[in-house]
PDB file of N, CA and C in Angstrom:
ATOM      1  N   MET A   1      -0.178  19.438   6.846  1.00  0.00           N
ATOM      2  CA  MET A   1       0.366  20.109   5.712  1.00  0.00           C
ATOM      3  C   MET A   1       1.688  19.442   5.351  1.00  0.00           C
ATOM      4  N   LYS A   2       1.906  19.250   4.090  1.00  0.00           N
ATOM      5  CA  LYS A   2       3.172  18.701   3.613  1.00  0.00           C
ATOM      6  C   LYS A   2       3.885  19.803   2.844  1.00  0.00           C
ATOM      7  N   VAL A   3       5.113  20.007   3.163  1.00  0.00           N
ATOM      8  CA  VAL A   3       5.932  20.984   2.458  1.00  0.00           C
ATOM      9  C   VAL A   3       7.093  20.240   1.832  1.00  0.00           C
ATOM     10  N   GLU A   4       7.288  20.495   0.563  1.00  0.00           N
ATOM     11  CA  GLU A   4       8.372  19.827  -0.149  1.00  0.00           C
ATOM     12  C   GLU A   4       9.098  20.861  -0.993  1.00  0.00           C
ATOM     13  N   PHE A   5      10.405  20.917  -0.841  1.00  0.00           N
ATOM     14  CA  PHE A   5      11.220  21.818  -1.626  1.00  0.00           C
ATOM     15  C   PHE A   5      12.000  20.978  -2.624  1.00  0.00           C
ATOM     16  N   THR A   6      11.629  21.098  -3.867  1.00  0.00           N
ATOM     17  CA  THR A   6      12.210  20.264  -4.907  1.00  0.00           C
ATOM     18  C   THR A   6      12.473  21.100  -6.148  1.00  0.00           C
ATOM     19  N   TYR A   7      13.597  20.835  -6.806  1.00  0.00           N
ATOM     20  CA  TYR A   7      13.829  21.446  -8.118  1.00  0.00           C
ATOM     21  C   TYR A   7      12.871  20.767  -9.078  1.00  0.00           C
ATOM     22  N   TYR A   8      12.052  21.541  -9.751  1.00  0.00           N
ATOM     23  CA  TYR A   8      11.016  20.990 -10.610  1.00  0.00           C
ATOM     24  C   TYR A   8      10.994  21.772 -11.915  1.00  0.00           C
ATOM     25  N   PRO A   9      11.622  21.244 -12.973  1.00  0.00           N
ATOM     26  CA  PRO A   9      11.766  22.016 -14.209  1.00  0.00           C
ATOM     27  C   PRO A   9      10.534  22.010 -15.115  1.00  0.00           C
ATOM     28  N   PHE A  10       9.442  21.373 -14.689  1.00  0.00           N
ATOM     29  CA  PHE A  10       8.277  21.228 -15.548  1.00  0.00           C
ATOM     30  C   PHE A  10       7.302  22.391 -15.368  1.00  0.00           C
ATOM     31  N   THR A  11       6.596  22.716 -16.431  1.00  0.00           N
ATOM     32  CA  THR A  11       5.606  23.777 -16.405  1.00  0.00           C
ATOM     33  C   THR A  11       4.362  23.320 -15.657  1.00  0.00           C
ATOM     34  N   ARG A  12       3.776  24.205 -14.889  1.00  0.00           N
ATOM     35  CA  ARG A  12       2.533  23.881 -14.177  1.00  0.00           C
ATOM     36  C   ARG A  12       1.369  23.880 -15.158  1.00  0.00           C
ATOM     37  N   ILE A  13       0.377  23.044 -14.877  1.00  0.00           N
ATOM     38  CA  ILE A  13      -0.829  22.995 -15.690  1.00  0.00           C
ATOM     39  C   ILE A  13      -1.723  24.176 -15.345  1.00  0.00           C
ATOM     40  N   SER A  14      -1.893  24.419 -14.064  1.00  0.00           N
ATOM     41  CA  SER A  14      -2.735  25.515 -13.570  1.00  0.00           C
ATOM     42  C   SER A  14      -1.859  26.514 -12.839  1.00  0.00           C
ATOM     43  N   PRO A  15      -2.306  27.743 -12.781  1.00  0.00           N
ATOM     44  CA  PRO A  15      -1.515  28.740 -12.035  1.00  0.00           C
ATOM     45  C   PRO A  15      -1.379  28.343 -10.567  1.00  0.00           C
ATOM     46  N   SER A  16      -0.217  28.600 -10.031  1.00  0.00           N
ATOM     47  CA  SER A  16      -0.004  28.321  -8.609  1.00  0.00           C
ATOM     48  C   SER A  16      -0.492  29.519  -7.803  1.00  0.00           C
ATOM     49  N   ILE A  17      -0.683  29.286  -6.516  1.00  0.00           N
ATOM     50  CA  ILE A  17      -0.988  30.400  -5.625  1.00  0.00           C
ATOM     51  C   ILE A  17       0.281  30.702  -4.831  1.00  0.00           C
ATOM     52  N   LYS A  18       0.382  31.894  -4.302  1.00  0.00           N
ATOM     53  CA  LYS A  18       1.553  32.261  -3.499  1.00  0.00           C
ATOM     54  C   LYS A  18       1.155  32.315  -2.040  1.00  0.00           C
ATOM     55  N   LEU A  19       1.982  31.691  -1.226  1.00  0.00           N
ATOM     56  CA  LEU A  19       1.785  31.721   0.213  1.00  0.00           C
ATOM     57  C   LEU A  19       3.133  32.075   0.822  1.00  0.00           C
ATOM     58  N   VAL A  20       3.211  33.200   1.466  1.00  0.00           N
ATOM     59  CA  VAL A  20       4.465  33.712   2.027  1.00  0.00           C
ATOM     60  C   VAL A  20       5.551  33.706   0.945  1.00  0.00           C
ATOM     61  N   ASN A  21       5.183  34.173  -0.213  1.00  0.00           N
ATOM     62  CA  ASN A  21       6.077  34.280  -1.373  1.00  0.00           C
ATOM     63  C   ASN A  21       6.562  32.946  -1.934  1.00  0.00           C
ATOM     64  N   LEU A  22       5.932  31.835  -1.554  1.00  0.00           N
ATOM     65  CA  LEU A  22       6.275  30.526  -2.106  1.00  0.00           C
ATOM     66  C   LEU A  22       5.148  30.060  -3.025  1.00  0.00           C
ATOM     67  N   PRO A  23       5.489  29.609  -4.235  1.00  0.00           N
ATOM     68  CA  PRO A  23       4.436  29.113  -5.125  1.00  0.00           C
ATOM     69  C   PRO A  23       3.925  27.756  -4.640  1.00  0.00           C
ATOM     70  N   ILE A  24       2.602  27.588  -4.606  1.00  0.00           N
ATOM     71  CA  ILE A  24       1.960  26.352  -4.176  1.00  0.00           C
ATOM     72  C   ILE A  24       1.217  25.765  -5.367  1.00  0.00           C
ATOM     73  N   ASP A  25       1.469  24.505  -5.682  1.00  0.00           N
ATOM     74  CA  ASP A  25       0.807  23.858  -6.807  1.00  0.00           C
ATOM     75  C   ASP A  25      -0.702  23.751  -6.592  1.00  0.00           C
ATOM     76  N   SER A  26      -1.423  23.755  -7.697  1.00  0.00           N
ATOM     77  CA  SER A  26      -2.871  23.538  -7.653  1.00  0.00           C
ATOM     78  C   SER A  26      -3.137  22.059  -7.382  1.00  0.00           C
ATOM     79  N   VAL A  27      -4.367  21.750  -7.001  1.00  0.00           N
ATOM     80  CA  VAL A  27      -4.757  20.358  -6.771  1.00  0.00           C
ATOM     81  C   VAL A  27      -4.570  19.554  -8.058  1.00  0.00           C
ATOM     82  N   LEU A  28      -4.902  20.150  -9.195  1.00  0.00           N
ATOM     83  CA  LEU A  28      -4.740  19.452 -10.472  1.00  0.00           C
ATOM     84  C   LEU A  28      -3.273  19.102 -10.723  1.00  0.00           C
ATOM     85  N   ASP A  29      -2.375  20.036 -10.448  1.00  0.00           N
ATOM     86  CA  ASP A  29      -0.946  19.750 -10.625  1.00  0.00           C
ATOM     87  C   ASP A  29      -0.471  18.654  -9.678  1.00  0.00           C
ATOM     88  N   ILE A  30      -0.931  18.697  -8.442  1.00  0.00           N
ATOM     89  CA  ILE A  30      -0.521  17.679  -7.468  1.00  0.00           C
ATOM     90  C   ILE A  30      -1.014  16.304  -7.905  1.00  0.00           C
ATOM     91  N   ALA A  31      -2.269  16.220  -8.349  1.00  0.00           N
ATOM     92  CA  ALA A  31      -2.820  14.939  -8.809  1.00  0.00           C
ATOM     93  C   ALA A  31      -2.064  14.435 -10.038  1.00  0.00           C
ATOM     94  N   THR A  32      -1.726  15.340 -10.945  1.00  0.00           N
ATOM     95  CA  THR A  32      -0.969  14.952 -12.141  1.00  0.00           C
ATOM     96  C   THR A  32       0.421  14.461 -11.759  1.00  0.00           C
ATOM     97  N   ASN A  33       1.033  15.104 -10.789  1.00  0.00           N
ATOM     98  CA  ASN A  33       2.345  14.653 -10.313  1.00  0.00           C
ATOM     99  C   ASN A  33       2.254  13.240  -9.744  1.00  0.00           C
ATOM    100  N   MET A  34       1.156  12.976  -9.010  1.00  0.00           N
ATOM    101  CA  MET A  34       0.969  11.630  -8.454  1.00  0.00           C
ATOM    102  C   MET A  34       0.811  10.599  -9.565  1.00  0.00           C
ATOM    103  N   LEU A  35       0.040  10.955 -10.578  1.00  0.00           N
ATOM    104  CA  LEU A  35      -0.145  10.053 -11.719  1.00  0.00           C
ATOM    105  C   LEU A  35       1.201   9.741 -12.377  1.00  0.00           C
ATOM    106  N   PHE A  36       1.997  10.771 -12.568  1.00  0.00           N
ATOM    107  CA  PHE A  36       3.316  10.574 -13.171  1.00  0.00           C
ATOM    108  C   PHE A  36       4.170   9.640 -12.322  1.00  0.00           C
ATOM    109  N   THR A  37       4.106   9.804 -11.012  1.00  0.00           N
ATOM    110  CA  THR A  37       4.878   8.956 -10.109  1.00  0.00           C
ATOM    111  C   THR A  37       4.446   7.503 -10.224  1.00  0.00           C
ATOM    112  N   ILE A  38       3.136   7.274 -10.302  1.00  0.00           N
ATOM    113  CA  ILE A  38       2.626   5.906 -10.419  1.00  0.00           C
ATOM    114  C   ILE A  38       3.063   5.289 -11.736  1.00  0.00           C
ATOM    115  N   ILE A  39       2.972   6.066 -12.813  1.00  0.00           N
ATOM    116  CA  ILE A  39       3.273   5.535 -14.145  1.00  0.00           C
ATOM    117  C   ILE A  39       4.770   5.347 -14.364  1.00  0.00           C
ATOM    118  N   SER A  40       5.573   6.238 -13.802  1.00  0.00           N
ATOM    119  CA  SER A  40       7.013   6.142 -14.034  1.00  0.00           C
ATOM    120  C   SER A  40       7.558   4.850 -13.436  1.00  0.00           C
ATOM    121  N   ASP A  41       8.690   4.488 -13.881  1.00  0.00           N
ATOM    122  CA  ASP A  41       9.285   3.229 -13.448  1.00  0.00           C
ATOM    123  C   ASP A  41       9.863   3.386 -12.044  1.00  0.00           C
ATOM    124  N   THR A  42       9.001   3.298 -11.049  1.00  0.00           N
ATOM    125  CA  THR A  42       9.443   3.468  -9.667  1.00  0.00           C
ATOM    126  C   THR A  42       9.898   2.157  -9.060  1.00  0.00           C
ATOM    127  N   GLY A  43       9.533   1.056  -9.684  1.00  0.00           N
ATOM    128  CA  GLY A  43       9.864  -0.242  -9.125  1.00  0.00           C
ATOM    129  C   GLY A  43       8.799  -0.765  -8.175  1.00  0.00           C
ATOM    130  N   TYR A  44       7.744   0.029  -7.946  1.00  0.00           N
ATOM    131  CA  TYR A  44       6.653  -0.388  -7.061  1.00  0.00           C
ATOM    132  C   TYR A  44       5.442  -0.750  -7.904  1.00  0.00           C
ATOM    133  N   GLY A  45       4.872  -1.899  -7.622  1.00  0.00           N
ATOM    134  CA  GLY A  45       3.664  -2.309  -8.310  1.00  0.00           C
ATOM    135  C   GLY A  45       2.432  -1.818  -7.565  1.00  0.00           C
ATOM    136  N   ILE A  46       1.305  -1.907  -8.242  1.00  0.00           N
ATOM    137  CA  ILE A  46       0.042  -1.471  -7.643  1.00  0.00           C
ATOM    138  C   ILE A  46      -0.248  -2.242  -6.354  1.00  0.00           C
ATOM    139  N   ASP A  47       0.000  -3.554  -6.360  1.00  0.00           N
ATOM    140  CA  ASP A  47      -0.274  -4.345  -5.154  1.00  0.00           C
ATOM    141  C   ASP A  47       0.524  -3.837  -3.957  1.00  0.00           C
ATOM    142  N   GLU A  48       1.790  -3.523  -4.175  1.00  0.00           N
ATOM    143  CA  GLU A  48       2.598  -3.009  -3.065  1.00  0.00           C
ATOM    144  C   GLU A  48       2.100  -1.636  -2.615  1.00  0.00           C
ATOM    145  N   LEU A  49       1.705  -0.784  -3.571  1.00  0.00           N
ATOM    146  CA  LEU A  49       1.195   0.535  -3.206  1.00  0.00           C
ATOM    147  C   LEU A  49      -0.107   0.429  -2.407  1.00  0.00           C
ATOM    148  N   ILE A  50      -0.933  -0.569  -2.727  1.00  0.00           N
ATOM    149  CA  ILE A  50      -2.171  -0.794  -1.977  1.00  0.00           C
ATOM    150  C   ILE A  50      -1.839  -1.155  -0.526  1.00  0.00           C
ATOM    151  N   VAL A  51      -0.879  -2.063  -0.352  1.00  0.00           N
ATOM    152  CA  VAL A  51      -0.477  -2.468   0.996  1.00  0.00           C
ATOM    153  C   VAL A  51       0.085  -1.270   1.753  1.00  0.00           C
ATOM    154  N   ARG A  52       0.900  -0.477   1.092  1.00  0.00           N
ATOM    155  CA  ARG A  52       1.502   0.695   1.744  1.00  0.00           C
ATOM    156  C   ARG A  52       0.436   1.733   2.110  1.00  0.00           C
ATOM    157  N   ALA A  53      -0.548   1.934   1.240  1.00  0.00           N
ATOM    158  CA  ALA A  53      -1.617   2.895   1.533  1.00  0.00           C
ATOM    159  C   ALA A  53      -2.425   2.442   2.745  1.00  0.00           C
ATOM    160  N   LYS A  54      -2.675   1.141   2.828  1.00  0.00           N
ATOM    161  CA  LYS A  54      -3.416   0.616   3.987  1.00  0.00           C
ATOM    162  C   LYS A  54      -2.619   0.848   5.267  1.00  0.00           C
ATOM    163  N   SER A  55      -1.321   0.585   5.196  1.00  0.00           N
ATOM    164  CA  SER A  55      -0.456   0.758   6.355  1.00  0.00           C
ATOM    165  C   SER A  55      -0.348   2.228   6.761  1.00  0.00           C
ATOM    166  N   LYS A  56      -0.182   3.093   5.794  1.00  0.00           N
ATOM    167  CA  LYS A  56       0.034   4.509   6.079  1.00  0.00           C
ATOM    168  C   LYS A  56      -1.237   5.213   6.526  1.00  0.00           C
ATOM    169  N   PHE A  57      -2.351   4.928   5.852  1.00  0.00           N
ATOM    170  CA  PHE A  57      -3.578   5.679   6.099  1.00  0.00           C
ATOM    171  C   PHE A  57      -4.648   4.895   6.839  1.00  0.00           C
ATOM    172  N   ASP A  58      -4.352   3.623   7.183  1.00  0.00           N
ATOM    173  CA  ASP A  58      -5.344   2.750   7.793  1.00  0.00           C
ATOM    174  C   ASP A  58      -6.620   2.758   6.942  1.00  0.00           C
ATOM    175  N   TRP A  59      -6.426   2.525   5.655  1.00  0.00           N
ATOM    176  CA  TRP A  59      -7.483   2.670   4.658  1.00  0.00           C
ATOM    177  C   TRP A  59      -7.521   1.416   3.805  1.00  0.00           C
ATOM    178  N   HIS A  60      -8.651   0.737   3.789  1.00  0.00           N
ATOM    179  CA  HIS A  60      -8.806  -0.449   2.957  1.00  0.00           C
ATOM    180  C   HIS A  60      -9.026  -0.022   1.514  1.00  0.00           C
ATOM    181  N   VAL A  61      -8.227  -0.560   0.616  1.00  0.00           N
ATOM    182  CA  VAL A  61      -8.372  -0.280  -0.803  1.00  0.00           C
ATOM    183  C   VAL A  61      -9.067  -1.476  -1.432  1.00  0.00           C
ATOM    184  N   ASP A  62     -10.286  -1.278  -1.874  1.00  0.00           N
ATOM    185  CA  ASP A  62     -11.041  -2.325  -2.541  1.00  0.00           C
ATOM    186  C   ASP A  62     -10.541  -2.416  -3.984  1.00  0.00           C
ATOM    187  N   LYS A  63     -10.003  -3.567  -4.359  1.00  0.00           N
ATOM    188  CA  LYS A  63      -9.394  -3.711  -5.678  1.00  0.00           C
ATOM    189  C   LYS A  63     -10.400  -3.527  -6.809  1.00  0.00           C
ATOM    190  N   LEU A  64     -11.633  -3.996  -6.607  1.00  0.00           N
ATOM    191  CA  LEU A  64     -12.635  -3.809  -7.657  1.00  0.00           C
ATOM    192  C   LEU A  64     -12.969  -2.325  -7.843  1.00  0.00           C
ATOM    193  N   GLN A  65     -13.088  -1.586  -6.733  1.00  0.00           N
ATOM    194  CA  GLN A  65     -13.364  -0.156  -6.831  1.00  0.00           C
ATOM    195  C   GLN A  65     -12.184   0.593  -7.462  1.00  0.00           C
ATOM    196  N   LEU A  66     -10.970   0.210  -7.095  1.00  0.00           N
ATOM    197  CA  LEU A  66      -9.795   0.837  -7.689  1.00  0.00           C
ATOM    198  C   LEU A  66      -9.741   0.548  -9.177  1.00  0.00           C
ATOM    199  N   GLY A  67     -10.028  -0.700  -9.548  1.00  0.00           N
ATOM    200  CA  GLY A  67     -10.075  -1.060 -10.970  1.00  0.00           C
ATOM    201  C   GLY A  67     -11.116  -0.248 -11.713  1.00  0.00           C
ATOM    202  N   LYS A  68     -12.269  -0.038 -11.076  1.00  0.00           N
ATOM    203  CA  LYS A  68     -13.325   0.779 -11.678  1.00  0.00           C
ATOM    204  C   LYS A  68     -12.837   2.209 -11.894  1.00  0.00           C
ATOM    205  N   GLN A  69     -12.130   2.740 -10.895  1.00  0.00           N
ATOM    206  CA  GLN A  69     -11.574   4.085 -11.041  1.00  0.00           C
ATOM    207  C   GLN A  69     -10.559   4.139 -12.186  1.00  0.00           C
ATOM    208  N   PHE A  70      -9.754   3.098 -12.310  1.00  0.00           N
ATOM    209  CA  PHE A  70      -8.786   3.050 -13.403  1.00  0.00           C
ATOM    210  C   PHE A  70      -9.484   3.027 -14.755  1.00  0.00           C
ATOM    211  N   LEU A  71     -10.628   2.330 -14.835  1.00  0.00           N
ATOM    212  CA  LEU A  71     -11.369   2.264 -16.095  1.00  0.00           C
ATOM    213  C   LEU A  71     -11.916   3.624 -16.524  1.00  0.00           C
ATOM    214  N   SER A  72     -12.087   4.526 -15.567  1.00  0.00           N
ATOM    215  CA  SER A  72     -12.628   5.846 -15.903  1.00  0.00           C
ATOM    216  C   SER A  72     -11.695   6.639 -16.811  1.00  0.00           C
ATOM    217  N   VAL A  73     -10.487   6.154 -17.003  1.00  0.00           N
ATOM    218  CA  VAL A  73      -9.553   6.820 -17.910  1.00  0.00           C
ATOM    219  C   VAL A  73     -10.124   6.846 -19.335  1.00  0.00           C
ATOM    220  N   GLN A  74     -11.041   5.933 -19.629  1.00  0.00           N
ATOM    221  CA  GLN A  74     -11.648   5.876 -20.967  1.00  0.00           C
ATOM    222  C   GLN A  74     -12.680   6.978 -21.189  1.00  0.00           C
ATOM    223  N   THR A  75     -13.338   7.411 -20.120  1.00  0.00           N
ATOM    224  CA  THR A  75     -14.478   8.315 -20.278  1.00  0.00           C
ATOM    225  C   THR A  75     -14.304   9.674 -19.620  1.00  0.00           C
ATOM    226  N   ASP A  76     -13.351   9.833 -18.737  1.00  0.00           N
ATOM    227  CA  ASP A  76     -13.189  11.123 -18.051  1.00  0.00           C
ATOM    228  C   ASP A  76     -12.866  12.226 -19.052  1.00  0.00           C
ATOM    229  N   SER A  77     -13.595  13.323 -18.923  1.00  0.00           N
ATOM    230  CA  SER A  77     -13.335  14.451 -19.819  1.00  0.00           C
ATOM    231  C   SER A  77     -12.385  15.463 -19.181  1.00  0.00           C
ATOM    232  N   ASP A  78     -12.157  15.335 -17.882  1.00  0.00           N
ATOM    233  CA  ASP A  78     -11.290  16.259 -17.163  1.00  0.00           C
ATOM    234  C   ASP A  78      -9.902  15.651 -17.042  1.00  0.00           C
ATOM    235  N   LYS A  79      -9.201  15.601 -18.161  1.00  0.00           N
ATOM    236  CA  LYS A  79      -7.884  14.967 -18.193  1.00  0.00           C
ATOM    237  C   LYS A  79      -6.789  16.029 -18.215  1.00  0.00           C
ATOM    238  N   PRO A  80      -5.655  15.710 -17.630  1.00  0.00           N
ATOM    239  CA  PRO A  80      -4.532  16.645 -17.724  1.00  0.00           C
ATOM    240  C   PRO A  80      -3.989  16.672 -19.142  1.00  0.00           C
ATOM    241  N   ARG A  81      -3.364  17.766 -19.474  1.00  0.00           N
ATOM    242  CA  ARG A  81      -2.692  17.847 -20.770  1.00  0.00           C
ATOM    243  C   ARG A  81      -1.299  17.261 -20.595  1.00  0.00           C
ATOM    244  N   PHE A  82      -0.944  16.353 -21.465  1.00  0.00           N
ATOM    245  CA  PHE A  82       0.359  15.722 -21.357  1.00  0.00           C
ATOM    246  C   PHE A  82       1.373  16.509 -22.165  1.00  0.00           C
ATOM    247  N   CYS A  83       2.579  16.544 -21.645  1.00  0.00           N
ATOM    248  CA  CYS A  83       3.640  17.262 -22.332  1.00  0.00           C
ATOM    249  C   CYS A  83       4.893  16.400 -22.348  1.00  0.00           C
ATOM    250  N   ASN A  84       5.940  16.925 -22.868  1.00  0.00           N
ATOM    251  CA  ASN A  84       7.229  16.225 -22.943  1.00  0.00           C
ATOM    252  C   ASN A  84       7.133  14.910 -23.709  1.00  0.00           C
ATOM    253  N   GLY A  85       6.238  14.855 -24.697  1.00  0.00           N
ATOM    254  CA  GLY A  85       6.144  13.673 -25.539  1.00  0.00           C
ATOM    255  C   GLY A  85       5.424  12.499 -24.912  1.00  0.00           C
ATOM    256  N   PHE A  86       4.830  12.662 -23.738  1.00  0.00           N
ATOM    257  CA  PHE A  86       4.119  11.569 -23.090  1.00  0.00           C
ATOM    258  C   PHE A  86       2.793  11.381 -23.788  1.00  0.00           C
ATOM    259  N   ALA A  87       2.516  10.170 -24.214  1.00  0.00           N
ATOM    260  CA  ALA A  87       1.321   9.885 -24.997  1.00  0.00           C
ATOM    261  C   ALA A  87       0.136   9.553 -24.099  1.00  0.00           C
ATOM    262  N   GLU A  88      -1.000  10.173 -24.394  1.00  0.00           N
ATOM    263  CA  GLU A  88      -2.225   9.879 -23.653  1.00  0.00           C
ATOM    264  C   GLU A  88      -2.594   8.406 -23.831  1.00  0.00           C
ATOM    265  N   ALA A  89      -2.332   7.867 -25.010  1.00  0.00           N
ATOM    266  CA  ALA A  89      -2.648   6.455 -25.262  1.00  0.00           C
ATOM    267  C   ALA A  89      -1.871   5.542 -24.324  1.00  0.00           C
ATOM    268  N   LYS A  90      -0.639   5.880 -24.027  1.00  0.00           N
ATOM    269  CA  LYS A  90       0.174   5.080 -23.116  1.00  0.00           C
ATOM    270  C   LYS A  90      -0.417   5.113 -21.706  1.00  0.00           C
ATOM    271  N   CYS A  91      -0.907   6.269 -21.306  1.00  0.00           N
ATOM    272  CA  CYS A  91      -1.546   6.416 -19.999  1.00  0.00           C
ATOM    273  C   CYS A  91      -2.789   5.537 -19.934  1.00  0.00           C
ATOM    274  N   LYS A  92      -3.644   5.622 -20.948  1.00  0.00           N
ATOM    275  CA  LYS A  92      -4.864   4.810 -20.977  1.00  0.00           C
ATOM    276  C   LYS A  92      -4.526   3.326 -20.923  1.00  0.00           C
ATOM    277  N   GLU A  93      -3.559   2.919 -21.724  1.00  0.00           N
ATOM    278  CA  GLU A  93      -3.167   1.508 -21.765  1.00  0.00           C
ATOM    279  C   GLU A  93      -2.701   1.028 -20.387  1.00  0.00           C
ATOM    280  N   PHE A  94      -1.916   1.853 -19.706  1.00  0.00           N
ATOM    281  CA  PHE A  94      -1.424   1.490 -18.376  1.00  0.00           C
ATOM    282  C   PHE A  94      -2.589   1.234 -17.424  1.00  0.00           C
ATOM    283  N   PHE A  95      -3.521   2.192 -17.326  1.00  0.00           N
ATOM    284  CA  PHE A  95      -4.616   2.055 -16.375  1.00  0.00           C
ATOM    285  C   PHE A  95      -5.586   0.943 -16.751  1.00  0.00           C
ATOM    286  N   LEU A  96      -5.804   0.717 -18.042  1.00  0.00           N
ATOM    287  CA  LEU A  96      -6.669  -0.391 -18.451  1.00  0.00           C
ATOM    288  C   LEU A  96      -6.028  -1.731 -18.089  1.00  0.00           C
ATOM    289  N   ASN A  97      -4.738  -1.862 -18.312  1.00  0.00           N
ATOM    290  CA  ASN A  97      -4.038  -3.100 -17.940  1.00  0.00           C
ATOM    291  C   ASN A  97      -4.065  -3.317 -16.429  1.00  0.00           C
ATOM    292  N   GLU A  98      -3.822  -2.263 -15.666  1.00  0.00           N
ATOM    293  CA  GLU A  98      -3.849  -2.387 -14.208  1.00  0.00           C
ATOM    294  C   GLU A  98      -5.254  -2.735 -13.721  1.00  0.00           C
ATOM    295  N   SER A  99      -6.262  -2.186 -14.368  1.00  0.00           N
ATOM    296  CA  SER A  99      -7.643  -2.495 -13.996  1.00  0.00           C
ATOM    297  C   SER A  99      -7.935  -3.976 -14.222  1.00  0.00           C
ATOM    298  N   ARG A 100      -7.485  -4.503 -15.349  1.00  0.00           N
ATOM    299  CA  ARG A 100      -7.671  -5.937 -15.631  1.00  0.00           C
ATOM    300  C   ARG A 100      -6.998  -6.794 -14.559  1.00  0.00           C
ATOM    301  N   LYS A 101      -5.765  -6.442 -14.227  1.00  0.00           N
ATOM    302  CA  LYS A 101      -5.022  -7.201 -13.209  1.00  0.00           C
ATOM    303  C   LYS A 101      -5.744  -7.147 -11.858  1.00  0.00           C
ATOM    304  N   LEU A 102      -6.211  -5.961 -11.486  1.00  0.00           N
ATOM    305  CA  LEU A 102      -6.902  -5.817 -10.198  1.00  0.00           C
ATOM    306  C   LEU A 102      -8.187  -6.632 -10.174  1.00  0.00           C
ATOM    307  N   GLY A 103      -8.923  -6.636 -11.280  1.00  0.00           N
ATOM    308  CA  GLY A 103     -10.161  -7.401 -11.359  1.00  0.00           C
ATOM    309  C   GLY A 103      -9.899  -8.874 -11.204  1.00  0.00           C
ATOM    310  N   LEU A 104      -8.853  -9.362 -11.838  1.00  0.00           N
ATOM    311  CA  LEU A 104      -8.526 -10.779 -11.729  1.00  0.00           C
ATOM    312  C   LEU A 104      -8.062 -11.138 -10.331  1.00  0.00           C
ATOM    313  N   SER A 105      -7.258 -10.281  -9.711  1.00  0.00           N
ATOM    314  CA  SER A 105      -6.767 -10.608  -8.374  1.00  0.00           C
ATOM    315  C   SER A 105      -7.865 -10.481  -7.321  1.00  0.00           C
ATOM    316  N   ALA A 106      -8.866  -9.656  -7.576  1.00  0.00           N
ATOM    317  CA  ALA A 106      -9.944  -9.484  -6.598  1.00  0.00           C
ATOM    318  C   ALA A 106     -10.885 -10.670  -6.534  1.00  0.00           C
ATOM    319  N   ILE A 107     -10.950 -11.446  -7.629  1.00  0.00           N
ATOM    320  CA  ILE A 107     -11.890 -12.575  -7.634  1.00  0.00           C
ATOM    321  C   ILE A 107     -11.207 -13.900  -7.288  1.00  0.00           C
ATOM    322  N   LYS A 108      -9.926 -13.853  -6.993  1.00  0.00           N
ATOM    323  CA  LYS A 108      -9.195 -15.087  -6.630  1.00  0.00           C
ATOM    324  C   LYS A 108      -9.537 -15.521  -5.240  1.00  0.00           C
TER     325      LYS A 108
END
């Protein structure tokens, strides 16, 4: 279990549940938060995150499969609602570009 206490001024997408009087984010909110972290200017590229995921989770990340998952941004109907002026088009463009890069690096 991971517990994080953070000031978070953003509205939740889905209702939270309460556990010992503490609000717990839904899986959808957690996944959306992760997406925001990846997209925001963190200074970490996808390649570095792949290496870190392998190190942390002992999990091989297949670049072609990851690229395929990124391409699903075009067809997935279960998308989060964006707020605060964040454009869905910008999100799609990011994942399509990353998918192209991953595809090219996987065949080198």
